Amino acid sequence: SRCHTSFPSCCLELSPYLTNGHISPVEVVQRVRKANICEAVKNAFLNRVFILRELSINVIWFNKNYDSLFGCNLPKWALDSIK
């Protein structure tokens, strides 16, 4: 079926190329929009790739301690188990 909205493998395969700047997010959007697949698949793919990307950027931008265990808002029990 060409209208299956579960696309974990495609997102994972693109991830390193998007992360390292080898492919532009704009190019991905343009190609997905032109693809001969149903709208549900297009929307599911774009939501997964770009909403997660934007959420990640926001976490880093607004959280000064994003790169430490104490900046990631883990519950106390989780932090205690790491110590």
Protein backbone atom coordinates (compact mmCIF):
# COMPACT_ATOMS: atom_id res chain seq x y z
CA SER A 1 0.00 0.00 0.00
CA ARG A 2 1.37 3.40 -0.95
CA CYS A 3 -0.70 5.09 1.72
CA HIS A 4 0.89 3.65 4.83
CA THR A 5 1.68 6.50 7.24
CA SER A 6 4.33 4.73 9.30
CA PHE A 7 7.69 5.84 7.91
CA PRO A 8 10.33 5.29 10.59
CA SER A 9 13.04 4.06 8.22
CA CYS A 10 12.94 7.01 5.81
CA CYS A 11 13.28 9.54 8.59
CA LEU A 12 16.17 7.62 10.08
CA GLU A 13 17.92 7.33 6.73
CA LEU A 14 17.72 11.10 6.12
CA SER A 15 18.70 12.09 9.64
CA PRO A 16 22.50 12.14 9.24
CA TYR A 17 22.27 14.07 5.99
CA LEU A 18 20.00 16.71 7.51
CA THR A 19 22.00 16.89 10.73
CA ASN A 20 25.32 17.39 8.97
CA GLY A 21 24.01 19.83 6.37
CA HIS A 22 24.49 17.56 3.35
CA ILE A 23 20.88 18.06 2.32
CA SER A 24 18.67 21.08 2.83
CA PRO A 25 15.39 20.75 4.73
CA VAL A 26 13.87 22.94 2.00
CA GLU A 27 14.92 20.42 -0.66
CA VAL A 28 13.38 17.58 1.33
CA VAL A 29 10.07 19.44 1.62
CA GLN A 30 10.02 20.26 -2.10
CA ARG A 31 10.69 16.68 -3.12
CA VAL A 32 8.18 15.21 -0.71
CA ARG A 33 5.51 17.61 -1.98
CA LYS A 34 6.20 16.52 -5.58
CA ALA A 35 6.26 12.80 -4.74
CA ASN A 36 3.57 10.59 -6.21
CA ILE A 37 2.26 9.31 -2.87
CA CYS A 38 -0.90 10.00 -0.90
CA GLU A 39 -1.25 13.14 1.19
CA ALA A 40 -1.46 11.18 4.46
CA VAL A 41 2.00 9.74 3.85
CA LYS A 42 3.42 13.14 2.93
CA ASN A 43 1.96 14.75 6.04
CA ALA A 44 3.11 11.95 8.33
CA PHE A 45 6.65 12.16 6.96
CA LEU A 46 6.88 15.95 7.15
CA ASN A 47 5.43 15.99 10.66
CA ARG A 48 7.89 13.43 11.91
CA VAL A 49 10.95 14.99 10.32
CA PHE A 50 10.32 18.68 10.88
CA ILE A 51 8.27 18.90 14.04
CA LEU A 52 10.85 16.80 15.87
CA ARG A 53 13.61 18.94 14.36
CA GLU A 54 11.99 22.17 15.51
CA LEU A 55 11.36 20.79 19.00
CA SER A 56 15.02 19.82 19.27
CA ILE A 57 16.16 23.26 18.18
CA ASN A 58 13.85 24.89 20.73
CA VAL A 59 15.16 22.72 23.57
CA ILE A 60 18.73 23.73 22.79
CA TRP A 61 17.93 27.42 22.19
CA PHE A 62 15.89 27.99 25.34
CA ASN A 63 17.65 25.67 27.81
CA LYS A 64 21.09 26.99 28.81
CA ASN A 65 21.96 23.63 30.40
CA TYR A 66 20.77 21.42 27.55
CA ASP A 67 24.07 19.55 27.46
CA SER A 68 24.06 18.42 31.10
CA LEU A 69 21.98 15.86 32.94
CA PHE A 70 20.70 18.54 35.27
CA GLY A 71 19.46 20.71 32.44
CA CYS A 72 17.25 18.10 30.87
CA ASN A 73 14.55 18.16 33.57
CA LEU A 74 14.83 14.52 34.56
CA PRO A 75 12.82 13.40 37.57
CA LYS A 76 14.76 13.25 40.86
CA TRP A 77 14.68 9.46 40.98
CA ALA A 78 16.29 9.31 37.51
CA LEU A 79 19.07 11.72 38.49
CA ASP A 80 19.66 9.78 41.73
CA SER A 81 19.99 6.53 39.80
CA ILE A 82 22.69 8.04 37.56
CA LYS A 83 24.86 9.32 40.43
